[in-house]
Amino acid sequence: MLQGIVYHKLLPFDTVLMDSWYATNNLMQYIEALGKYYYCPLKRNRLVTDYSQTI
């Protein structure tokens, strides 16, 4: 779905809003590679590294 919006429909957007069900590492890395921002709630069982602390 996201690829269709980016490459086929060419809709302009800056941010991706998604449910916690879609909050996977691969999808978030793909969104970052597109140069977009994402917002999603995370489930308690997700492991997260806060890279902003290392900058």
C-alpha atoms as a PDB file:
ATOM      1  CA  MET A   1       0.000   0.000   0.000  1.00  0.00           C
ATOM      2  CA  LEU A   2       2.743   2.446   0.930  1.00  0.00           C
ATOM      3  CA  GLN A   3       4.706   1.658  -2.232  1.00  0.00           C
ATOM      4  CA  GLY A   4       1.602   2.346  -4.341  1.00  0.00           C
ATOM      5  CA  ILE A   5       1.167   5.767  -2.766  1.00  0.00           C
ATOM      6  CA  VAL A   6       4.831   6.663  -3.212  1.00  0.00           C
ATOM      7  CA  TYR A   7       5.546   5.271  -6.688  1.00  0.00           C
ATOM      8  CA  HIS A   8       2.210   4.827  -8.477  1.00  0.00           C
ATOM      9  CA  LYS A   9      -0.133   7.537  -7.224  1.00  0.00           C
ATOM     10  CA  LEU A  10       2.691   9.987  -6.436  1.00  0.00           C
ATOM     11  CA  LEU A  11       0.781  11.520  -3.529  1.00  0.00           C
ATOM     12  CA  PRO A  12       2.791  14.133  -1.629  1.00  0.00           C
ATOM     13  CA  PHE A  13       3.083  13.444   2.114  1.00  0.00           C
ATOM     14  CA  ASP A  14       5.588  13.938   4.905  1.00  0.00           C
ATOM     15  CA  THR A  15       4.255  11.773   7.742  1.00  0.00           C
ATOM     16  CA  VAL A  16       2.991   8.212   8.045  1.00  0.00           C
ATOM     17  CA  LEU A  17       0.488   7.496  10.828  1.00  0.00           C
ATOM     18  CA  MET A  18       0.012   3.831  11.664  1.00  0.00           C
ATOM     19  CA  ASP A  19      -1.393   1.498  14.274  1.00  0.00           C
ATOM     20  CA  SER A  20       0.890  -0.401  16.649  1.00  0.00           C
ATOM     21  CA  TRP A  21       0.167  -3.599  14.686  1.00  0.00           C
ATOM     22  CA  TYR A  22       2.356  -2.241  11.844  1.00  0.00           C
ATOM     23  CA  ALA A  23       5.183  -0.991  14.080  1.00  0.00           C
ATOM     24  CA  THR A  24       7.867  -3.365  12.824  1.00  0.00           C
ATOM     25  CA  ASN A  25      11.540  -2.666  12.391  1.00  0.00           C
ATOM     26  CA  ASN A  26      11.514  -3.330   8.634  1.00  0.00           C
ATOM     27  CA  LEU A  27       8.594  -1.007   7.949  1.00  0.00           C
ATOM     28  CA  MET A  28       9.990   1.809  10.071  1.00  0.00           C
ATOM     29  CA  GLN A  29      13.371   1.526   8.325  1.00  0.00           C
ATOM     30  CA  TYR A  30      11.611   1.610   4.937  1.00  0.00           C
ATOM     31  CA  ILE A  31       9.739   4.787   5.904  1.00  0.00           C
ATOM     32  CA  GLU A  32      12.988   6.377   7.094  1.00  0.00           C
ATOM     33  CA  ALA A  33      14.680   5.420   3.810  1.00  0.00           C
ATOM     34  CA  LEU A  34      11.909   7.308   1.983  1.00  0.00           C
ATOM     35  CA  GLY A  35      12.816  10.397   4.017  1.00  0.00           C
ATOM     36  CA  LYS A  36       9.431  10.447   5.774  1.00  0.00           C
ATOM     37  CA  TYR A  37       8.453  10.732   9.411  1.00  0.00           C
ATOM     38  CA  TYR A  38       6.316   8.142  11.158  1.00  0.00           C
ATOM     39  CA  TYR A  39       4.186   8.098  14.256  1.00  0.00           C
ATOM     40  CA  CYS A  40       2.837   4.970  15.868  1.00  0.00           C
ATOM     41  CA  PRO A  41       2.158   3.754  19.383  1.00  0.00           C
ATOM     42  CA  LEU A  42       4.404   0.903  20.458  1.00  0.00           C
ATOM     43  CA  LYS A  43       3.297  -2.231  22.260  1.00  0.00           C
ATOM     44  CA  ARG A  44       4.960  -3.086  25.553  1.00  0.00           C
ATOM     45  CA  ASN A  45       6.768  -6.095  24.102  1.00  0.00           C
ATOM     46  CA  ARG A  46       8.659  -4.030  21.489  1.00  0.00           C
ATOM     47  CA  LEU A  47      12.354  -3.365  22.031  1.00  0.00           C
ATOM     48  CA  VAL A  48      13.419   0.163  21.062  1.00  0.00           C
ATOM     49  CA  THR A  49      16.815   1.818  20.843  1.00  0.00           C
ATOM     50  CA  ASP A  50      16.686   5.565  21.383  1.00  0.00           C
ATOM     51  CA  TYR A  51      19.256   6.903  18.893  1.00  0.00           C
ATOM     52  CA  SER A  52      18.586  10.519  19.863  1.00  0.00           C
ATOM     53  CA  GLN A  53      20.549   9.907  23.069  1.00  0.00           C
ATOM     54  CA  THR A  54      23.707   9.080  21.092  1.00  0.00           C
ATOM     55  CA  ILE A  55      23.795  12.298  19.062  1.00  0.00           C
END
